[in-house]
Amino acid sequence: MGGTTLPEKRKVPRVLVIEDEPTIVEFLSTGLAYEGYEPVVAFNGEQGLRLAREGMIDLVILDIMLPDIDGFEICKRLRSWGSKVPKP
């Protein structure tokens, strides 16, 4: 019997880390992966916004003091796009 198959649901939550400090990124990514999450990393606000729009993100860890766009503005933009990422 033929038919279409539904794509398998993601089992691992994806966490977007938007942080410009490499040491902090490494620490967070290692810890998240160890705990069973899939870290997705952006080193600046523009990259973070692009990744948030492209991928299914379950949670965002966001630095406030980024070199290009501050974290408050990133949060505003995510909300204006209708992002369902949990609010603080």
PDB file of N, CA and C in Angstrom:
ATOM      1  N   MET A   1       0.835  -1.168   0.000  1.00  0.00           N
ATOM      2  CA  MET A   1       0.000   0.000   0.000  1.00  0.00           C
ATOM      3  C   MET A   1       0.888   1.242   0.000  1.00  0.00           C
ATOM      4  N   GLY A   2       0.724   2.114  -0.991  1.00  0.00           N
ATOM      5  CA  GLY A   2       1.562   3.301  -1.121  1.00  0.00           C
ATOM      6  C   GLY A   2       1.014   4.464  -0.328  1.00  0.00           C
ATOM      7  N   GLY A   3       1.763   5.513  -0.308  1.00  0.00           N
ATOM      8  CA  GLY A   3       1.320   6.709   0.399  1.00  0.00           C
ATOM      9  C   GLY A   3       2.507   7.559   0.804  1.00  0.00           C
ATOM     10  N   THR A   4       2.189   8.662   1.395  1.00  0.00           N
ATOM     11  CA  THR A   4       3.266   9.542   1.849  1.00  0.00           C
ATOM     12  C   THR A   4       3.554   9.258   3.309  1.00  0.00           C
ATOM     13  N   THR A   5       4.758   9.513   3.685  1.00  0.00           N
ATOM     14  CA  THR A   5       5.131   9.352   5.085  1.00  0.00           C
ATOM     15  C   THR A   5       5.382  10.718   5.677  1.00  0.00           C
ATOM     16  N   LEU A   6       5.016  10.876   6.904  1.00  0.00           N
ATOM     17  CA  LEU A   6       5.245  12.143   7.592  1.00  0.00           C
ATOM     18  C   LEU A   6       6.682  12.206   8.068  1.00  0.00           C
ATOM     19  N   PRO A   7       7.296  13.379   8.031  1.00  0.00           N
ATOM     20  CA  PRO A   7       8.668  13.480   8.540  1.00  0.00           C
ATOM     21  C   PRO A   7       8.711  13.161  10.031  1.00  0.00           C
ATOM     22  N   GLU A   8       9.780  12.534  10.433  1.00  0.00           N
ATOM     23  CA  GLU A   8       9.947  12.189  11.847  1.00  0.00           C
ATOM     24  C   GLU A   8      10.117  13.470  12.657  1.00  0.00           C
ATOM     25  N   LYS A   9       9.457  13.520  13.799  1.00  0.00           N
ATOM     26  CA  LYS A   9       9.581  14.692  14.675  1.00  0.00           C
ATOM     27  C   LYS A   9      10.984  14.749  15.268  1.00  0.00           C
ATOM     28  N   ARG A  10      11.457  15.974  15.455  1.00  0.00           N
ATOM     29  CA  ARG A  10      12.734  16.155  16.135  1.00  0.00           C
ATOM     30  C   ARG A  10      12.598  15.697  17.568  1.00  0.00           C
ATOM     31  N   LYS A  11      13.569  14.981  18.035  1.00  0.00           N
ATOM     32  CA  LYS A  11      13.530  14.487  19.395  1.00  0.00           C
ATOM     33  C   LYS A  11      14.421  15.315  20.328  1.00  0.00           C
ATOM     34  N   VAL A  12      15.363  16.033  19.759  1.00  0.00           N
ATOM     35  CA  VAL A  12      16.326  16.799  20.553  1.00  0.00           C
ATOM     36  C   VAL A  12      15.981  18.289  20.470  1.00  0.00           C
ATOM     37  N   PRO A  13      15.719  18.929  21.614  1.00  0.00           N
ATOM     38  CA  PRO A  13      15.435  20.366  21.590  1.00  0.00           C
ATOM     39  C   PRO A  13      16.659  21.161  21.116  1.00  0.00           C
ATOM     40  N   ARG A  14      16.400  22.166  20.282  1.00  0.00           N
ATOM     41  CA  ARG A  14      17.467  23.028  19.760  1.00  0.00           C
ATOM     42  C   ARG A  14      17.513  24.323  20.555  1.00  0.00           C
ATOM     43  N   VAL A  15      18.718  24.667  21.016  1.00  0.00           N
ATOM     44  CA  VAL A  15      18.922  25.878  21.800  1.00  0.00           C
ATOM     45  C   VAL A  15      19.850  26.807  21.019  1.00  0.00           C
ATOM     46  N   LEU A  16      19.358  27.979  20.688  1.00  0.00           N
ATOM     47  CA  LEU A  16      20.161  28.983  19.997  1.00  0.00           C
ATOM     48  C   LEU A  16      20.911  29.799  21.032  1.00  0.00           C
ATOM     49  N   VAL A  17      22.231  29.787  20.942  1.00  0.00           N
ATOM     50  CA  VAL A  17      23.091  30.571  21.820  1.00  0.00           C
ATOM     51  C   VAL A  17      23.612  31.750  21.002  1.00  0.00           C
ATOM     52  N   ILE A  18      23.231  32.963  21.392  1.00  0.00           N
ATOM     53  CA  ILE A  18      23.714  34.172  20.717  1.00  0.00           C
ATOM     54  C   ILE A  18      24.649  34.861  21.696  1.00  0.00           C
ATOM     55  N   GLU A  19      25.941  34.723  21.450  1.00  0.00           N
ATOM     56  CA  GLU A  19      26.984  35.184  22.376  1.00  0.00           C
ATOM     57  C   GLU A  19      28.254  35.450  21.584  1.00  0.00           C
ATOM     58  N   ASP A  20      28.929  36.567  21.870  1.00  0.00           N
ATOM     59  CA  ASP A  20      30.142  36.920  21.127  1.00  0.00           C
ATOM     60  C   ASP A  20      31.431  36.472  21.802  1.00  0.00           C
ATOM     61  N   GLU A  21      31.374  35.990  23.013  1.00  0.00           N
ATOM     62  CA  GLU A  21      32.576  35.561  23.733  1.00  0.00           C
ATOM     63  C   GLU A  21      32.802  34.057  23.504  1.00  0.00           C
ATOM     64  N   PRO A  22      33.873  33.685  22.774  1.00  0.00           N
ATOM     65  CA  PRO A  22      34.110  32.274  22.428  1.00  0.00           C
ATOM     66  C   PRO A  22      34.183  31.324  23.624  1.00  0.00           C
ATOM     67  N   THR A  23      34.767  31.759  24.733  1.00  0.00           N
ATOM     68  CA  THR A  23      34.874  30.895  25.907  1.00  0.00           C
ATOM     69  C   THR A  23      33.492  30.562  26.475  1.00  0.00           C
ATOM     70  N   ILE A  24      32.624  31.556  26.522  1.00  0.00           N
ATOM     71  CA  ILE A  24      31.275  31.339  27.025  1.00  0.00           C
ATOM     72  C   ILE A  24      30.496  30.437  26.062  1.00  0.00           C
ATOM     73  N   VAL A  25      30.667  30.661  24.763  1.00  0.00           N
ATOM     74  CA  VAL A  25      30.004  29.817  23.764  1.00  0.00           C
ATOM     75  C   VAL A  25      30.432  28.363  23.926  1.00  0.00           C
ATOM     76  N   GLU A  26      31.725  28.142  24.089  1.00  0.00           N
ATOM     77  CA  GLU A  26      32.230  26.775  24.249  1.00  0.00           C
ATOM     78  C   GLU A  26      31.658  26.126  25.511  1.00  0.00           C
ATOM     79  N   PHE A  27      31.671  26.856  26.608  1.00  0.00           N
ATOM     80  CA  PHE A  27      31.146  26.355  27.879  1.00  0.00           C
ATOM     81  C   PHE A  27      29.666  25.988  27.756  1.00  0.00           C
ATOM     82  N   LEU A  28      28.859  26.909  27.211  1.00  0.00           N
ATOM     83  CA  LEU A  28      27.427  26.658  27.075  1.00  0.00           C
ATOM     84  C   LEU A  28      27.140  25.514  26.101  1.00  0.00           C
ATOM     85  N   SER A  29      27.820  25.508  24.964  1.00  0.00           N
ATOM     86  CA  SER A  29      27.594  24.469  23.963  1.00  0.00           C
ATOM     87  C   SER A  29      27.929  23.088  24.499  1.00  0.00           C
ATOM     88  N   THR A  30      29.042  22.990  25.206  1.00  0.00           N
ATOM     89  CA  THR A  30      29.451  21.711  25.780  1.00  0.00           C
ATOM     90  C   THR A  30      28.430  21.231  26.806  1.00  0.00           C
ATOM     91  N   GLY A  31      28.019  22.122  27.689  1.00  0.00           N
ATOM     92  CA  GLY A  31      27.043  21.769  28.713  1.00  0.00           C
ATOM     93  C   GLY A  31      25.692  21.388  28.127  1.00  0.00           C
ATOM     94  N   LEU A  32      25.235  22.145  27.142  1.00  0.00           N
ATOM     95  CA  LEU A  32      23.951  21.840  26.514  1.00  0.00           C
ATOM     96  C   LEU A  32      23.989  20.484  25.808  1.00  0.00           C
ATOM     97  N   ALA A  33      25.054  20.235  25.050  1.00  0.00           N
ATOM     98  CA  ALA A  33      25.181  18.956  24.350  1.00  0.00           C
ATOM     99  C   ALA A  33      25.240  17.794  25.340  1.00  0.00           C
ATOM    100  N   TYR A  34      25.957  17.978  26.425  1.00  0.00           N
ATOM    101  CA  TYR A  34      26.066  16.944  27.453  1.00  0.00           C
ATOM    102  C   TYR A  34      24.695  16.601  28.037  1.00  0.00           C
ATOM    103  N   GLU A  35      23.855  17.621  28.180  1.00  0.00           N
ATOM    104  CA  GLU A  35      22.523  17.423  28.757  1.00  0.00           C
ATOM    105  C   GLU A  35      21.490  16.966  27.726  1.00  0.00           C
ATOM    106  N   GLY A  36      21.917  16.773  26.479  1.00  0.00           N
ATOM    107  CA  GLY A  36      21.017  16.225  25.471  1.00  0.00           C
ATOM    108  C   GLY A  36      20.352  17.240  24.563  1.00  0.00           C
ATOM    109  N   TYR A  37      20.802  18.475  24.585  1.00  0.00           N
ATOM    110  CA  TYR A  37      20.263  19.506  23.705  1.00  0.00           C
ATOM    111  C   TYR A  37      21.153  19.645  22.475  1.00  0.00           C
ATOM    112  N   GLU A  38      20.596  20.243  21.427  1.00  0.00           N
ATOM    113  CA  GLU A  38      21.384  20.544  20.228  1.00  0.00           C
ATOM    114  C   GLU A  38      21.681  22.041  20.215  1.00  0.00           C
ATOM    115  N   PRO A  39      22.917  22.435  20.566  1.00  0.00           N
ATOM    116  CA  PRO A  39      23.236  23.866  20.536  1.00  0.00           C
ATOM    117  C   PRO A  39      23.428  24.361  19.104  1.00  0.00           C
ATOM    118  N   VAL A  40      22.882  25.531  18.837  1.00  0.00           N
ATOM    119  CA  VAL A  40      23.061  26.236  17.568  1.00  0.00           C
ATOM    120  C   VAL A  40      23.666  27.566  17.963  1.00  0.00           C
ATOM    121  N   VAL A  41      24.814  27.933  17.374  1.00  0.00           N
ATOM    122  CA  VAL A  41      25.579  29.078  17.860  1.00  0.00           C
ATOM    123  C   VAL A  41      25.616  30.222  16.849  1.00  0.00           C
ATOM    124  N   ALA A  42      25.432  31.439  17.370  1.00  0.00           N
ATOM    125  CA  ALA A  42      25.623  32.666  16.597  1.00  0.00           C
ATOM    126  C   ALA A  42      26.528  33.581  17.407  1.00  0.00           C
ATOM    127  N   PHE A  43      27.499  34.200  16.744  1.00  0.00           N
ATOM    128  CA  PHE A  43      28.457  35.069  17.428  1.00  0.00           C
ATOM    129  C   PHE A  43      28.103  36.551  17.347  1.00  0.00           C
ATOM    130  N   ASN A  44      26.990  36.884  16.692  1.00  0.00           N
ATOM    131  CA  ASN A  44      26.522  38.275  16.674  1.00  0.00           C
ATOM    132  C   ASN A  44      25.006  38.279  16.463  1.00  0.00           C
ATOM    133  N   GLY A  45      24.411  39.442  16.602  1.00  0.00           N
ATOM    134  CA  GLY A  45      22.961  39.557  16.525  1.00  0.00           C
ATOM    135  C   GLY A  45      22.380  39.239  15.160  1.00  0.00           C
ATOM    136  N   GLU A  46      22.997  39.738  14.104  1.00  0.00           N
ATOM    137  CA  GLU A  46      22.487  39.476  12.748  1.00  0.00           C
ATOM    138  C   GLU A  46      22.467  37.988  12.446  1.00  0.00           C
ATOM    139  N   GLN A  47      23.552  37.307  12.784  1.00  0.00           N
ATOM    140  CA  GLN A  47      23.626  35.862  12.567  1.00  0.00           C
ATOM    141  C   GLN A  47      22.574  35.152  13.421  1.00  0.00           C
ATOM    142  N   GLY A  48      22.401  35.589  14.645  1.00  0.00           N
ATOM    143  CA  GLY A  48      21.407  34.998  15.531  1.00  0.00           C
ATOM    144  C   GLY A  48      19.991  35.148  14.989  1.00  0.00           C
ATOM    145  N   LEU A  49      19.668  36.331  14.488  1.00  0.00           N
ATOM    146  CA  LEU A  49      18.344  36.554  13.909  1.00  0.00           C
ATOM    147  C   LEU A  49      18.121  35.669  12.683  1.00  0.00           C
ATOM    148  N   ARG A  50      19.148  35.549  11.856  1.00  0.00           N
ATOM    149  CA  ARG A  50      19.037  34.695  10.664  1.00  0.00           C
ATOM    150  C   ARG A  50      18.788  33.248  11.062  1.00  0.00           C
ATOM    151  N   LEU A  51      19.560  32.751  12.020  1.00  0.00           N
ATOM    152  CA  LEU A  51      19.397  31.364  12.463  1.00  0.00           C
ATOM    153  C   LEU A  51      18.034  31.151  13.126  1.00  0.00           C
ATOM    154  N   ALA A  52      17.561  32.138  13.862  1.00  0.00           N
ATOM    155  CA  ALA A  52      16.251  32.023  14.505  1.00  0.00           C
ATOM    156  C   ALA A  52      15.143  31.923  13.465  1.00  0.00           C
ATOM    157  N   ARG A  53      15.296  32.637  12.367  1.00  0.00           N
ATOM    158  CA  ARG A  53      14.284  32.597  11.304  1.00  0.00           C
ATOM    159  C   ARG A  53      14.358  31.313  10.505  1.00  0.00           C
ATOM    160  N   GLU A  54      15.561  30.792  10.289  1.00  0.00           N
ATOM    161  CA  GLU A  54      15.753  29.613   9.434  1.00  0.00           C
ATOM    162  C   GLU A  54      15.397  28.299  10.112  1.00  0.00           C
ATOM    163  N   GLY A  55      15.753  28.183  11.391  1.00  0.00           N
ATOM    164  CA  GLY A  55      15.620  26.887  12.040  1.00  0.00           C
ATOM    165  C   GLY A  55      14.542  26.853  13.093  1.00  0.00           C
ATOM    166  N   MET A  56      14.162  25.655  13.439  1.00  0.00           N
ATOM    167  CA  MET A  56      13.200  25.477  14.525  1.00  0.00           C
ATOM    168  C   MET A  56      13.976  25.534  15.833  1.00  0.00           C
ATOM    169  N   ILE A  57      13.784  26.613  16.557  1.00  0.00           N
ATOM    170  CA  ILE A  57      14.510  26.841  17.800  1.00  0.00           C
ATOM    171  C   ILE A  57      13.525  26.723  18.962  1.00  0.00           C
ATOM    172  N   ASP A  58      13.926  25.974  19.983  1.00  0.00           N
ATOM    173  CA  ASP A  58      13.059  25.766  21.137  1.00  0.00           C
ATOM    174  C   ASP A  58      13.357  26.733  22.279  1.00  0.00           C
ATOM    175  N   LEU A  59      14.575  27.256  22.312  1.00  0.00           N
ATOM    176  CA  LEU A  59      14.984  28.147  23.392  1.00  0.00           C
ATOM    177  C   LEU A  59      16.132  29.011  22.894  1.00  0.00           C
ATOM    178  N   VAL A  60      16.228  30.244  23.396  1.00  0.00           N
ATOM    179  CA  VAL A  60      17.330  31.143  23.040  1.00  0.00           C
ATOM    180  C   VAL A  60      18.043  31.570  24.315  1.00  0.00           C
ATOM    181  N   ILE A  61      19.362  31.428  24.303  1.00  0.00           N
ATOM    182  CA  ILE A  61      20.210  32.005  25.345  1.00  0.00           C
ATOM    183  C   ILE A  61      20.859  33.213  24.687  1.00  0.00           C
ATOM    184  N   LEU A  62      20.540  34.393  25.186  1.00  0.00           N
ATOM    185  CA  LEU A  62      20.858  35.628  24.480  1.00  0.00           C
ATOM    186  C   LEU A  62      21.696  36.571  25.339  1.00  0.00           C
ATOM    187  N   ASP A  63      22.866  36.936  24.806  1.00  0.00           N
ATOM    188  CA  ASP A  63      23.712  37.949  25.443  1.00  0.00           C
ATOM    189  C   ASP A  63      23.080  39.315  25.184  1.00  0.00           C
ATOM    190  N   ILE A  64      23.105  40.170  26.161  1.00  0.00           N
ATOM    191  CA  ILE A  64      22.531  41.508  26.009  1.00  0.00           C
ATOM    192  C   ILE A  64      23.496  42.448  25.290  1.00  0.00           C
ATOM    193  N   MET A  65      24.793  42.357  25.597  1.00  0.00           N
ATOM    194  CA  MET A  65      25.787  43.277  25.027  1.00  0.00           C
ATOM    195  C   MET A  65      26.532  42.606  23.876  1.00  0.00           C
ATOM    196  N   LEU A  66      25.931  42.663  22.692  1.00  0.00           N
ATOM    197  CA  LEU A  66      26.549  42.127  21.483  1.00  0.00           C
ATOM    198  C   LEU A  66      27.140  43.271  20.671  1.00  0.00           C
ATOM    199  N   PRO A  67      28.095  42.972  19.786  1.00  0.00           N
ATOM    200  CA  PRO A  67      28.770  44.054  19.059  1.00  0.00           C
ATOM    201  C   PRO A  67      27.910  44.776  18.023  1.00  0.00           C
ATOM    202  N   ASP A  68      26.873  44.135  17.471  1.00  0.00           N
ATOM    203  CA  ASP A  68      26.117  44.781  16.398  1.00  0.00           C
ATOM    204  C   ASP A  68      24.700  45.188  16.808  1.00  0.00           C
ATOM    205  N   ILE A  69      23.942  44.280  17.378  1.00  0.00           N
ATOM    206  CA  ILE A  69      22.572  44.548  17.817  1.00  0.00           C
ATOM    207  C   ILE A  69      22.474  44.090  19.261  1.00  0.00           C
ATOM    208  N   ASP A  70      21.963  44.931  20.141  1.00  0.00           N
ATOM    209  CA  ASP A  70      21.885  44.486  21.536  1.00  0.00           C
ATOM    210  C   ASP A  70      20.780  43.436  21.698  1.00  0.00           C
ATOM    211  N   GLY A  71      20.899  42.670  22.760  1.00  0.00           N
ATOM    212  CA  GLY A  71      19.984  41.567  23.009  1.00  0.00           C
ATOM    213  C   GLY A  71      18.537  41.991  23.163  1.00  0.00           C
ATOM    214  N   PHE A  72      18.302  43.182  23.698  1.00  0.00           N
ATOM    215  CA  PHE A  72      16.926  43.669  23.842  1.00  0.00           C
ATOM    216  C   PHE A  72      16.274  43.854  22.471  1.00  0.00           C
ATOM    217  N   GLU A  73      17.027  44.399  21.524  1.00  0.00           N
ATOM    218  CA  GLU A  73      16.500  44.607  20.171  1.00  0.00           C
ATOM    219  C   GLU A  73      16.254  43.259  19.482  1.00  0.00           C
ATOM    220  N   ILE A  74      17.145  42.306  19.687  1.00  0.00           N
ATOM    221  CA  ILE A  74      16.949  40.972  19.107  1.00  0.00           C
ATOM    222  C   ILE A  74      15.658  40.365  19.643  1.00  0.00           C
ATOM    223  N   CYS A  75      15.447  40.474  20.927  1.00  0.00           N
ATOM    224  CA  CYS A  75      14.242  39.943  21.548  1.00  0.00           C
ATOM    225  C   CYS A  75      12.989  40.617  20.977  1.00  0.00           C
ATOM    226  N   LYS A  76      13.030  41.935  20.809  1.00  0.00           N
ATOM    227  CA  LYS A  76      11.899  42.667  20.224  1.00  0.00           C
ATOM    228  C   LYS A  76      11.594  42.164  18.818  1.00  0.00           C
ATOM    229  N   ARG A  77      12.646  41.975  18.018  1.00  0.00           N
ATOM    230  CA  ARG A  77      12.448  41.508  16.643  1.00  0.00           C
ATOM    231  C   ARG A  77      11.877  40.090  16.611  1.00  0.00           C
ATOM    232  N   LEU A  78      12.393  39.226  17.459  1.00  0.00           N
ATOM    233  CA  LEU A  78      11.862  37.858  17.510  1.00  0.00           C
ATOM    234  C   LEU A  78      10.377  37.882  17.849  1.00  0.00           C
ATOM    235  N   ARG A  79       9.993  38.693  18.814  1.00  0.00           N
ATOM    236  CA  ARG A  79       8.583  38.793  19.210  1.00  0.00           C
ATOM    237  C   ARG A  79       7.738  39.389  18.082  1.00  0.00           C
ATOM    238  N   SER A  80       8.269  40.374  17.363  1.00  0.00           N
ATOM    239  CA  SER A  80       7.503  40.991  16.280  1.00  0.00           C
ATOM    240  C   SER A  80       7.267  40.015  15.130  1.00  0.00           C
ATOM    241  N   TRP A  81       8.138  39.009  15.005  1.00  0.00           N
ATOM    242  CA  TRP A  81       7.969  37.973  13.973  1.00  0.00           C
ATOM    243  C   TRP A  81       7.025  36.874  14.427  1.00  0.00           C
ATOM    244  N   GLY A  82       6.563  36.948  15.671  1.00  0.00           N
ATOM    245  CA  GLY A  82       5.663  35.925  16.182  1.00  0.00           C
ATOM    246  C   GLY A  82       6.375  34.716  16.763  1.00  0.00           C
ATOM    247  N   SER A  83       7.608  34.871  17.167  1.00  0.00           N
ATOM    248  CA  SER A  83       8.357  33.766  17.745  1.00  0.00           C
ATOM    249  C   SER A  83       7.658  33.216  18.980  1.00  0.00           C
ATOM    250  N   LYS A  84       7.630  31.910  19.082  1.00  0.00           N
ATOM    251  CA  LYS A  84       7.013  31.239  20.227  1.00  0.00           C
ATOM    252  C   LYS A  84       8.036  30.775  21.251  1.00  0.00           C
ATOM    253  N   VAL A  85       9.279  31.234  21.100  1.00  0.00           N
ATOM    254  CA  VAL A  85      10.324  30.891  22.069  1.00  0.00           C
ATOM    255  C   VAL A  85       9.864  31.415  23.423  1.00  0.00           C
ATOM    256  N   PRO A  86      10.047  30.630  24.487  1.00  0.00           N
ATOM    257  CA  PRO A  86       9.552  31.039  25.821  1.00  0.00           C
ATOM    258  C   PRO A  86      10.021  32.432  26.235  1.00  0.00           C
ATOM    259  N   LYS A  87       9.144  33.141  26.897  1.00  0.00           N
ATOM    260  CA  LYS A  87       9.451  34.468  27.419  1.00  0.00           C
ATOM    261  C   LYS A  87      10.015  34.331  28.834  1.00  0.00           C
ATOM    262  N   PRO A  88      10.874  35.288  29.230  1.00  0.00           N
ATOM    263  CA  PRO A  88      11.424  35.242  30.587  1.00  0.00           C
ATOM    264  C   PRO A  88      10.359  35.502  31.642  1.00  0.00           C
TER     265      PRO A  88
END
